[in-house]
Each structure stands twice: as C-alpha cells, then as structure tokens.
Amino acid sequence: MGNQLNEGKVFSTPLFLLSFNLFIIMVGIGLVIPILPFYVEAFGADASVLGILVAIFAFMQFIFAPIWGRMSDRIGRKPLITIGLFGFAIAEFIFAFASGLWMLFLSRVLAGTFGAALMPSAMAYVSDVTAPEKRGHGMGFLGAAMGLGIVVGPGIGGWLAEFDLSYPFLFAGIAAALAGIVSILILPESLSPELKEKLAEENKVKDGQFSLMKKALKSEVGFLLILVFLMSFGLANFQAIFGYYSLERYNYGPQEVGIIILSVGLIGTVIQGGVVGRLVEKFGDEKIVLTSLFISSSGFIFMILANSYATVLLTTGVFFIGNSMLRPSLNTFISKKAGARQGMIMGLNNSFLSLGNVAGPILAGYMFEYNIHFPYAFGAFVMLLGFILTKAWLQKKQRYTSAS
C-alpha cells in the first residue's frame, strides 16, 4: 500500500491504539459469557432465548461487516473505527439499563452491528500502514489483543457482577466510549485522499451482501474466505460445548473450566503477539496456514483422548496453539491478496467468520445430544478437510505459476 505511516516499524502508536480498541470490544463480548444466563433469567426467559441472544450478535456481524468494510474504503478507516466504538458503547449502556427483554435484543443487535464496523476497519488499517513483509506482525498484535480480551472479559464480568449485574456492561460501555474519544484525538487516518477517491469510484456499483460474497468467492481470495469459515466453524464447535463437555465427561465445575480457558487463552495471546509474525516472516503465509490447520485438527483428536486434568489442559493448549497461529496468518494472507480494497475484503472476511460463529454452535449442540465426542470429532474432520483442500489449492496455484 502506498500510505504506510510506519513502514519500517513492527509496532507503532496507531497499531497500539487499534489493538487496545479491539481488546476493549472483545472484553465487552467476553464479559457477557458468565452473566448472560442470569440476565435472561431475571426477565423470565429460558435457554432458547439465551441461544438467540448469542446467535443474533454474530448474525448482525455477518450482515453488516461487508457494508462497513466498503464504507471504510470510501470515507476512511478512522471514521468507521470511531463509529464502531461509540455504537458498541451505546449497546452496552442499553444492556446495563434494560427494563425489558426487547432492550436486551436491541443491545445485542446494536453490539453486533457496530462491532462489525470496527473489526474489518482495524484489519484494513493494519494493511494500509504496514509493508507486506511486516503484515504478519501487525495481524498478530491485533489477534493477541482480541484473544486477551476474550480471556480477560469473563473474569472482569464475573467479578463486577458480584456487586451488580449491570456493572460489567457499564464498564464495557465507558471503556469503549473512552477508546472512541482517544481514537478521535490521536489516531491518524491511514488512507490518502487519492486512494479514497479511487476506491470511492470503484465502490459506486452497489452490490447486495450475497452478491458481494458470490463475487468474492470467485476472486483470488475466494478460497481463503472459505478457510476463514472453516476455521471459525471449527473454533465455534469447541467453544460452544466445552463447558458441557467438561461437566459431562470430567465433572468439572466453572473454576476448573475457567482455569483451562484462562491458561490456554494466555498461551494463544503470547503466540499471536510475539510468535506468529516472526513465523510468517521466516516461512511464509502458506506454510504457517497449512501447519496451523494440521495442529488444530490434531488438537481436536487429542482432546477426545485426554483422561486427566493435566492432559485436558495440554491437549486444549495444542488446539489453541493451532488456532492462534491460523487466524493472524490467514488474515495476513488475505490482506496481501486484497489489493487496494482492504476494507471491503476484510469486511467479507469478518462476514465469513461470523457465519461460522452462527453455524458452529448450532450444529455442535445437536451433535452433542447424540454423542458428547461428535462435536470434537467433526471439528477435527473440518480442520483436516481445510488442510487437504489448502494443500491441493497451493499445489494447483504453484503449477499455474510454473506454467505461466
């Protein structure tokens, strides 16, 4: 990209601000996890309503991420990042002061909608301000911030809820609003006026969500977007039933599950923040994506074989290592193929991610009812399928390159 603000640097003030912004959003998402069942109960709703509240967030991201992404190509990254933060803050305040079930739904709809403005814009920003060979570092920092937010969020939520159930949401709302103010004051725009004008011209043709997805699937990044869906789908299979699986098979309570998630989450954060960038720089996106898919698939199988707390911790860690390597390396790969239209492609990236987050938990829940091991076995199959397809795709690409 032609507007690299800090081309020679691996880390910079804008990248720190973006990482902090995503950290705040993921804390806001994570702190909902331990509190949402109690909130829903307080309004006389049941588990089915809880499931819809969880799914609606991902569904709104699926719908809106490409729209916001295209808009960031047209008007710039900074406006979309700040809109996302302030919108997310409003959603959290609505949740905190909800007086009826409809307000919970409104909050989750707004949180998903505005959260979708921030994430693809932040990834596009990183692509704007980093040289291609350093992009893995930038995506790794963002991934580490998101992973840490998801790990820290439930802890903050559980602690603040001891005082009042509304406090976690007030905390997330205030933090997001402050991040928005700081972004307005400090964060520079990453798109040059010339590039904005060029992208605005390219984006004049209005395509719907599914038309955009269809075009993207036929483009150079199409296969990589399918991989994003498979990755998200596999991870959602794990997340959706891990608590139930731990209770059913090992009789673990919230404390044991919390320690496992915290431990492997911190490992994932370190890998994304300090390891992935170096690995991508040394071995390339293709090898890291392939290796990550294989490790993730193996992790699922190992989790089924685990028979003690230590082996559960170890095998879950293997899975998280694979996933923590996969997400930023895949984002880096996609950004390098996206060309100038980073916002639109990263929006579609987020959309396919959200689609996996909607489909994964639903299928995992049904499979768990038949056999508690089925979700993990199917997760292993999905990741292995991704590995095989990626291997074939890379070989075909290599043959095509050699022939030309």
Protein backbone atom coordinates (compact mmCIF):
# COMPACT_ATOMS: atom_id res chain seq x y z
CA MET A 1 0.00 0.00 0.00
CA GLY A 2 1.12 3.49 -0.74
CA ASN A 3 0.24 5.13 2.56
CA GLN A 4 2.32 3.26 5.10
CA LEU A 5 2.57 5.56 8.10
CA ASN A 6 5.19 3.47 9.86
CA GLU A 7 6.54 1.23 7.14
CA GLY A 8 9.81 0.43 8.87
CA LYS A 9 8.30 -0.30 12.25
CA VAL A 10 6.76 -3.50 13.51
CA PHE A 11 4.86 -1.67 16.26
CA SER A 12 3.57 1.92 16.34
CA THR A 13 1.13 4.23 18.14
CA PRO A 14 -1.70 3.57 15.62
CA LEU A 15 -1.20 -0.19 15.94
CA PHE A 16 -1.21 0.08 19.73
CA LEU A 17 -4.47 2.09 19.61
CA LEU A 18 -6.11 -0.40 17.24
CA SER A 19 -5.04 -3.31 19.44
CA PHE A 20 -6.43 -1.53 22.51
CA ASN A 21 -9.72 -0.80 20.71
CA LEU A 22 -10.16 -4.44 19.72
CA PHE A 23 -9.18 -5.53 23.22
CA ILE A 24 -12.00 -3.36 24.64
CA ILE A 25 -14.54 -4.77 22.18
CA MET A 26 -13.55 -8.36 22.93
CA VAL A 27 -13.66 -7.69 26.69
CA GLY A 28 -17.19 -6.41 26.13
CA ILE A 29 -18.07 -9.58 24.24
CA GLY A 30 -16.30 -11.85 26.74
CA LEU A 31 -17.79 -10.38 29.90
CA VAL A 32 -21.26 -11.31 28.64
CA ILE A 33 -20.42 -15.03 28.86
CA PRO A 34 -20.79 -15.62 32.64
CA ILE A 35 -23.59 -13.06 33.13
CA LEU A 36 -26.00 -13.53 30.24
CA PRO A 37 -27.81 -16.58 31.71
CA PHE A 38 -28.57 -14.65 34.92
CA TYR A 39 -29.71 -11.58 32.99
CA VAL A 40 -32.04 -13.69 30.83
CA GLU A 41 -33.42 -15.43 33.91
CA ALA A 42 -34.16 -12.09 35.54
CA PHE A 43 -36.50 -11.31 32.63
CA GLY A 44 -38.26 -14.69 32.86
CA ALA A 45 -36.73 -16.10 29.65
CA ASP A 46 -35.31 -19.59 29.01
CA ALA A 47 -32.30 -21.22 27.35
CA SER A 48 -33.78 -20.90 23.84
CA VAL A 49 -33.93 -17.11 24.24
CA LEU A 50 -30.33 -17.19 25.51
CA GLY A 51 -29.28 -19.06 22.37
CA ILE A 52 -30.94 -16.47 20.13
CA LEU A 53 -29.28 -13.60 22.02
CA VAL A 54 -25.87 -15.23 21.46
CA ALA A 55 -26.52 -16.01 17.78
CA ILE A 56 -28.01 -12.61 16.88
CA PHE A 57 -24.72 -10.85 17.65
CA ALA A 58 -22.83 -13.00 15.12
CA PHE A 59 -25.68 -12.74 12.60
CA MET A 60 -25.60 -8.92 12.65
CA GLN A 61 -21.84 -9.05 12.09
CA PHE A 62 -22.42 -11.38 9.14
CA ILE A 63 -24.84 -8.88 7.57
CA PHE A 64 -23.05 -5.61 8.29
CA ALA A 65 -19.29 -6.35 8.13
CA PRO A 66 -19.04 -6.08 4.30
CA ILE A 67 -21.19 -2.91 4.30
CA TRP A 68 -18.97 -1.19 6.86
CA GLY A 69 -15.86 -2.52 5.13
CA ARG A 70 -16.85 -0.95 1.80
CA MET A 71 -17.71 2.28 3.58
CA SER A 72 -14.23 2.36 5.15
CA ASP A 73 -12.75 2.14 1.64
CA ARG A 74 -14.88 5.14 0.66
CA ILE A 75 -14.64 7.51 3.65
CA GLY A 76 -11.59 6.17 5.52
CA ARG A 77 -10.76 3.79 8.37
CA LYS A 78 -10.77 6.26 11.27
CA PRO A 79 -14.47 7.30 10.98
CA LEU A 80 -15.58 3.66 10.92
CA ILE A 81 -13.36 2.70 13.86
CA THR A 82 -14.77 5.55 16.00
CA ILE A 83 -18.37 4.86 14.89
CA GLY A 84 -17.88 1.21 15.86
CA LEU A 85 -16.58 2.12 19.32
CA PHE A 86 -19.32 4.65 20.14
CA GLY A 87 -22.05 2.37 18.76
CA PHE A 88 -20.74 -0.53 20.82
CA ALA A 89 -20.68 1.74 23.91
CA ILE A 90 -24.36 2.67 23.39
CA ALA A 91 -25.25 -1.03 23.03
CA GLU A 92 -23.55 -1.84 26.35
CA PHE A 93 -25.34 1.03 28.14
CA ILE A 94 -28.70 -0.21 26.82
CA PHE A 95 -27.92 -3.68 28.18
CA ALA A 96 -26.93 -2.24 31.56
CA PHE A 97 -30.16 -0.25 31.93
CA ALA A 98 -32.51 -2.76 30.27
CA SER A 99 -36.01 -2.83 31.72
CA GLY A 100 -37.43 -5.43 29.33
CA LEU A 101 -36.36 -8.36 27.17
CA TRP A 102 -36.73 -6.28 23.99
CA MET A 103 -33.94 -3.99 25.24
CA LEU A 104 -31.58 -6.98 25.56
CA PHE A 105 -32.29 -7.88 21.94
CA LEU A 106 -31.84 -4.27 20.84
CA SER A 107 -28.50 -4.16 22.66
CA ARG A 108 -27.21 -7.35 21.04
CA VAL A 109 -28.35 -6.18 17.59
CA LEU A 110 -26.52 -2.86 18.02
CA ALA A 111 -23.42 -4.51 19.53
CA GLY A 112 -23.14 -6.89 16.56
CA THR A 113 -23.85 -4.14 14.04
CA PHE A 114 -21.31 -1.64 15.37
CA GLY A 115 -18.74 -4.25 16.38
CA ALA A 116 -18.78 -5.22 12.69
CA ALA A 117 -17.69 -1.65 11.81
CA LEU A 118 -14.59 -1.81 13.99
CA MET A 119 -13.01 -5.18 13.24
CA PRO A 120 -12.68 -5.13 9.43
CA SER A 121 -11.70 -1.44 9.51
CA ALA A 122 -8.94 -2.17 12.03
CA MET A 123 -7.58 -5.04 9.94
CA ALA A 124 -7.72 -2.89 6.80
CA TYR A 125 -5.88 -0.14 8.72
CA VAL A 126 -3.07 -2.55 9.57
CA SER A 127 -2.82 -3.49 5.89
CA ASP A 128 -2.64 0.21 4.99
CA VAL A 129 0.19 1.08 7.37
CA THR A 130 2.44 -2.00 7.21
CA ALA A 131 4.71 -3.28 4.49
CA PRO A 132 3.68 -6.76 3.23
CA GLU A 133 6.66 -8.47 4.87
CA LYS A 134 5.71 -6.98 8.29
CA ARG A 135 1.98 -7.53 7.99
CA GLY A 136 2.06 -10.82 9.89
CA HIS A 137 3.38 -8.94 12.93
CA GLY A 138 0.57 -6.39 12.72
CA MET A 139 -2.17 -9.00 12.34
CA GLY A 140 -0.57 -10.96 15.18
CA PHE A 141 -0.77 -7.96 17.52
CA LEU A 142 -4.47 -7.47 16.69
CA GLY A 143 -5.13 -11.18 17.20
CA ALA A 144 -3.31 -11.13 20.54
CA ALA A 145 -5.37 -8.14 21.71
CA MET A 146 -8.61 -9.88 20.71
CA GLY A 147 -7.58 -13.15 22.35
CA LEU A 148 -6.58 -11.40 25.56
CA GLY A 149 -9.89 -9.51 25.61
CA ILE A 150 -11.90 -12.72 25.35
CA VAL A 151 -9.82 -14.28 28.14
CA VAL A 152 -9.96 -11.26 30.47
CA GLY A 153 -13.60 -10.39 29.73
CA PRO A 154 -15.31 -13.24 31.63
CA GLY A 155 -13.08 -12.61 34.67
CA ILE A 156 -13.95 -8.91 34.77
CA GLY A 157 -17.60 -9.70 34.15
CA GLY A 158 -17.79 -12.28 36.93
CA TRP A 159 -16.03 -10.01 39.44
CA LEU A 160 -18.09 -6.87 38.71
CA ALA A 161 -21.34 -8.88 38.68
CA GLU A 162 -20.73 -9.73 42.34
CA PHE A 163 -21.60 -6.07 43.08
CA ASP A 164 -24.34 -5.58 40.49
CA LEU A 165 -25.28 -7.41 37.27
CA SER A 166 -25.28 -4.13 35.34
CA TYR A 167 -21.72 -3.10 36.32
CA PRO A 168 -19.86 -5.20 33.70
CA PHE A 169 -21.87 -3.59 30.90
CA LEU A 170 -21.35 -0.11 32.33
CA PHE A 171 -17.63 -0.84 32.46
CA ALA A 172 -17.55 -2.01 28.83
CA GLY A 173 -19.62 0.98 27.69
CA ILE A 174 -17.41 3.53 29.45
CA ALA A 175 -14.22 1.84 28.20
CA ALA A 176 -15.48 1.76 24.58
CA ALA A 177 -16.56 5.43 24.75
CA LEU A 178 -13.15 6.47 26.12
CA ALA A 179 -11.40 4.45 23.39
CA GLY A 180 -13.56 6.25 20.82
CA ILE A 181 -12.57 9.67 22.20
CA VAL A 182 -8.87 8.73 22.24
CA SER A 183 -9.15 7.47 18.65
CA ILE A 184 -10.68 10.77 17.51
CA LEU A 185 -7.89 12.75 19.16
CA ILE A 186 -4.84 10.61 18.38
CA LEU A 187 -5.48 8.02 15.62
CA PRO A 188 -4.36 9.30 12.19
CA GLU A 189 -6.25 8.36 9.02
CA SER A 190 -4.46 5.64 7.06
CA LEU A 191 -5.98 6.23 3.62
CA SER A 192 -4.60 9.02 1.44
CA PRO A 193 -7.16 11.35 -0.27
CA GLU A 194 -6.09 9.96 -3.66
CA LEU A 195 -6.70 6.36 -2.66
CA LYS A 196 -10.06 7.27 -1.04
CA GLU A 197 -11.15 8.89 -4.30
CA LYS A 198 -10.04 5.86 -6.32
CA LEU A 199 -11.82 3.39 -4.01
CA ALA A 200 -14.97 5.55 -3.88
CA GLU A 201 -15.08 5.38 -7.69
CA GLU A 202 -14.67 1.59 -7.64
CA ASN A 203 -17.41 1.22 -5.00
CA LYS A 204 -20.07 3.14 -6.95
CA VAL A 205 -21.63 -0.11 -8.14
CA LYS A 206 -23.99 -1.23 -5.38
CA ASP A 207 -23.96 -4.96 -4.72
CA GLY A 208 -26.01 -6.73 -2.09
CA GLN A 209 -24.48 -8.87 0.65
CA PHE A 210 -24.90 -12.19 -1.15
CA SER A 211 -23.84 -10.75 -4.49
CA LEU A 212 -20.64 -9.47 -2.84
CA MET A 213 -19.99 -12.87 -1.25
CA LYS A 214 -20.54 -14.64 -4.56
CA LYS A 215 -18.10 -12.33 -6.35
CA ALA A 216 -15.55 -12.68 -3.56
CA LEU A 217 -15.73 -16.48 -3.70
CA LYS A 218 -14.90 -16.34 -7.42
CA SER A 219 -11.99 -13.95 -6.85
CA GLU A 220 -8.38 -14.62 -5.86
CA VAL A 221 -9.28 -14.52 -2.14
CA GLY A 222 -12.30 -16.83 -2.53
CA PHE A 223 -10.65 -20.00 -1.25
CA LEU A 224 -9.11 -18.12 1.68
CA LEU A 225 -12.56 -16.85 2.73
CA ILE A 226 -13.80 -20.45 2.72
CA LEU A 227 -10.87 -21.26 5.02
CA VAL A 228 -11.95 -18.41 7.33
CA PHE A 229 -15.40 -20.02 7.56
CA LEU A 230 -13.91 -23.47 8.29
CA MET A 231 -11.60 -22.01 10.96
CA SER A 232 -14.45 -20.10 12.62
CA PHE A 233 -16.78 -23.10 12.36
CA GLY A 234 -14.21 -25.40 13.98
CA LEU A 235 -13.41 -22.99 16.81
CA ALA A 236 -17.12 -22.41 17.47
CA ASN A 237 -17.57 -26.19 17.74
CA PHE A 238 -15.03 -26.14 20.57
CA GLN A 239 -16.30 -23.03 22.36
CA ALA A 240 -19.98 -23.92 22.23
CA ILE A 241 -19.75 -27.22 24.08
CA PHE A 242 -16.51 -27.11 26.06
CA GLY A 243 -18.28 -26.27 29.33
CA TYR A 244 -20.89 -29.01 28.84
CA TYR A 245 -18.26 -31.49 27.65
CA SER A 246 -16.09 -30.83 30.72
CA LEU A 247 -19.06 -31.28 33.06
CA GLU A 248 -20.40 -34.41 31.37
CA ARG A 249 -17.09 -36.23 30.94
CA TYR A 250 -14.91 -34.99 33.81
CA ASN A 251 -17.44 -33.41 36.19
CA TYR A 252 -15.52 -30.10 36.08
CA GLY A 253 -17.13 -27.00 37.55
CA PRO A 254 -16.81 -23.35 36.48
CA GLN A 255 -13.50 -22.94 38.35
CA GLU A 256 -11.70 -25.79 36.56
CA VAL A 257 -13.11 -24.71 33.17
CA GLY A 258 -12.17 -21.10 33.86
CA ILE A 259 -8.56 -22.01 34.67
CA ILE A 260 -8.27 -24.05 31.46
CA ILE A 261 -9.69 -21.27 29.28
CA LEU A 262 -7.53 -18.64 31.00
CA SER A 263 -4.34 -20.72 30.67
CA VAL A 264 -4.72 -21.67 27.02
CA GLY A 265 -6.06 -18.20 26.19
CA LEU A 266 -2.91 -16.59 27.58
CA ILE A 267 -0.77 -19.04 25.60
CA GLY A 268 -2.70 -18.09 22.46
CA THR A 269 -2.23 -14.39 23.19
CA VAL A 270 1.54 -14.78 23.53
CA ILE A 271 1.73 -16.79 20.29
CA GLN A 272 -0.31 -14.25 18.31
CA GLY A 273 1.50 -11.25 19.75
CA GLY A 274 5.09 -12.48 19.70
CA VAL A 275 5.46 -15.60 17.55
CA VAL A 276 3.16 -15.61 14.50
CA GLY A 277 4.67 -12.53 12.87
CA ARG A 278 8.18 -14.00 13.05
CA LEU A 279 6.99 -17.37 11.73
CA VAL A 280 5.16 -15.77 8.79
CA GLU A 281 8.22 -13.64 8.01
CA LYS A 282 10.51 -16.69 8.10
CA PHE A 283 8.40 -19.44 6.49
CA GLY A 284 5.64 -17.54 4.62
CA ASP A 285 1.85 -17.43 4.97
CA GLU A 286 1.21 -20.66 3.07
CA LYS A 287 3.32 -22.94 5.28
CA ILE A 288 2.02 -21.40 8.52
CA VAL A 289 -1.63 -21.73 7.43
CA LEU A 290 -1.06 -25.39 6.50
CA THR A 291 0.78 -26.18 9.74
CA SER A 292 -1.88 -24.42 11.82
CA LEU A 293 -4.71 -26.39 10.23
CA PHE A 294 -2.91 -29.67 10.94
CA ILE A 295 -2.19 -28.71 14.58
CA SER A 296 -5.82 -27.63 15.14
CA SER A 297 -7.14 -30.90 13.69
CA SER A 298 -4.74 -32.90 15.88
CA GLY A 299 -5.80 -30.86 18.93
CA PHE A 300 -9.43 -31.90 18.50
CA ILE A 301 -8.45 -35.60 18.36
CA PHE A 302 -6.12 -35.28 21.37
CA MET A 303 -8.92 -33.65 23.42
CA ILE A 304 -11.10 -36.73 22.90
CA LEU A 305 -8.25 -38.94 24.18
CA ALA A 306 -7.47 -36.80 27.26
CA ASN A 307 -8.17 -38.58 30.57
CA SER A 308 -6.94 -36.23 33.32
CA TYR A 309 -6.90 -32.52 34.18
CA ALA A 310 -3.27 -32.22 33.08
CA THR A 311 -3.91 -33.90 29.71
CA VAL A 312 -7.08 -31.83 29.17
CA LEU A 313 -5.01 -28.69 29.77
CA LEU A 314 -2.25 -29.95 27.46
CA THR A 315 -4.49 -31.09 24.59
CA THR A 316 -6.67 -27.96 24.74
CA GLY A 317 -3.43 -25.99 24.60
CA VAL A 318 -2.40 -27.82 21.41
CA PHE A 319 -5.71 -26.86 19.79
CA PHE A 320 -5.37 -23.22 20.88
CA ILE A 321 -1.80 -23.03 19.58
CA GLY A 322 -3.00 -24.16 16.15
CA ASN A 323 -5.89 -21.69 16.11
CA SER A 324 -3.77 -18.83 17.44
CA MET A 325 -1.33 -19.34 14.58
CA LEU A 326 -4.06 -19.78 11.98
CA ARG A 327 -6.15 -16.64 12.40
CA PRO A 328 -3.49 -13.91 12.02
CA SER A 329 -1.56 -15.80 9.32
CA LEU A 330 -4.78 -16.28 7.34
CA ASN A 331 -5.69 -12.58 7.78
CA THR A 332 -2.21 -11.64 6.55
CA PHE A 333 -2.56 -13.93 3.53
CA ILE A 334 -5.96 -12.40 2.68
CA SER A 335 -4.74 -8.81 3.09
CA LYS A 336 -1.89 -9.43 0.66
CA LYS A 337 -4.37 -10.73 -1.95
CA ALA A 338 -6.91 -7.92 -1.36
CA GLY A 339 -5.03 -5.16 -3.18
CA ALA A 340 -6.35 -1.64 -2.56
CA ARG A 341 -9.85 -2.68 -1.45
CA GLN A 342 -8.77 -3.76 2.02
CA GLY A 343 -11.94 -2.56 3.76
CA MET A 344 -14.35 -4.48 1.54
CA ILE A 345 -12.31 -7.71 1.63
CA MET A 346 -11.75 -7.53 5.40
CA GLY A 347 -15.47 -6.90 5.81
CA LEU A 348 -16.21 -10.06 3.86
CA ASN A 349 -13.55 -11.84 5.93
CA ASN A 350 -15.43 -10.85 9.08
CA SER A 351 -18.70 -11.90 7.47
CA PHE A 352 -17.48 -15.44 6.75
CA LEU A 353 -16.05 -15.54 10.28
CA SER A 354 -19.46 -14.62 11.70
CA LEU A 355 -21.21 -17.19 9.51
CA GLY A 356 -19.04 -19.88 11.11
CA ASN A 357 -19.83 -18.48 14.55
CA VAL A 358 -23.56 -18.83 13.84
CA ALA A 359 -23.45 -22.31 12.27
CA GLY A 360 -20.82 -23.91 14.53
CA PRO A 361 -22.64 -23.71 17.90
CA ILE A 362 -25.97 -24.81 16.41
CA LEU A 363 -24.52 -27.97 14.83
CA ALA A 364 -22.30 -28.67 17.86
CA GLY A 365 -25.33 -28.55 20.15
CA TYR A 366 -27.25 -31.09 18.06
CA MET A 367 -24.24 -33.43 17.72
CA PHE A 368 -23.56 -33.25 21.46
CA GLU A 369 -27.06 -34.61 22.12
CA TYR A 370 -26.22 -37.77 20.16
CA ASN A 371 -22.68 -38.27 21.42
CA ILE A 372 -20.53 -35.94 23.51
CA HIS A 373 -17.46 -36.67 21.33
CA PHE A 374 -19.15 -35.90 17.99
CA PRO A 375 -18.54 -32.11 18.02
CA TYR A 376 -14.80 -32.59 18.56
CA ALA A 377 -14.58 -35.42 16.02
CA PHE A 378 -16.41 -33.28 13.47
CA GLY A 379 -14.19 -30.30 14.33
CA ALA A 380 -11.13 -32.47 13.60
CA PHE A 381 -12.68 -33.50 10.28
CA VAL A 382 -13.39 -29.87 9.32
CA MET A 383 -9.83 -28.74 10.11
CA LEU A 384 -8.33 -31.77 8.32
CA LEU A 385 -10.55 -31.05 5.32
CA GLY A 386 -9.23 -27.49 5.37
CA PHE A 387 -5.66 -28.84 5.43
CA ILE A 388 -6.25 -31.18 2.45
CA LEU A 389 -8.07 -28.52 0.40
CA THR A 390 -5.39 -25.93 1.14
CA LYS A 391 -2.63 -28.35 0.14
CA ALA A 392 -4.43 -29.07 -3.17
CA TRP A 393 -5.12 -25.35 -3.77
CA LEU A 394 -1.48 -24.38 -3.19
CA GLN A 395 -0.22 -27.16 -5.48
CA LYS A 396 -2.63 -26.05 -8.21
CA LYS A 397 -1.52 -22.43 -7.76
CA GLN A 398 2.13 -23.48 -7.94
CA ARG A 399 1.55 -25.47 -11.15
CA TYR A 400 -0.28 -22.49 -12.68
CA THR A 401 2.57 -20.13 -11.72
CA SER A 402 5.21 -22.51 -13.15
CA ALA A 403 3.27 -22.89 -16.41
CA SER A 404 2.96 -19.13 -16.88
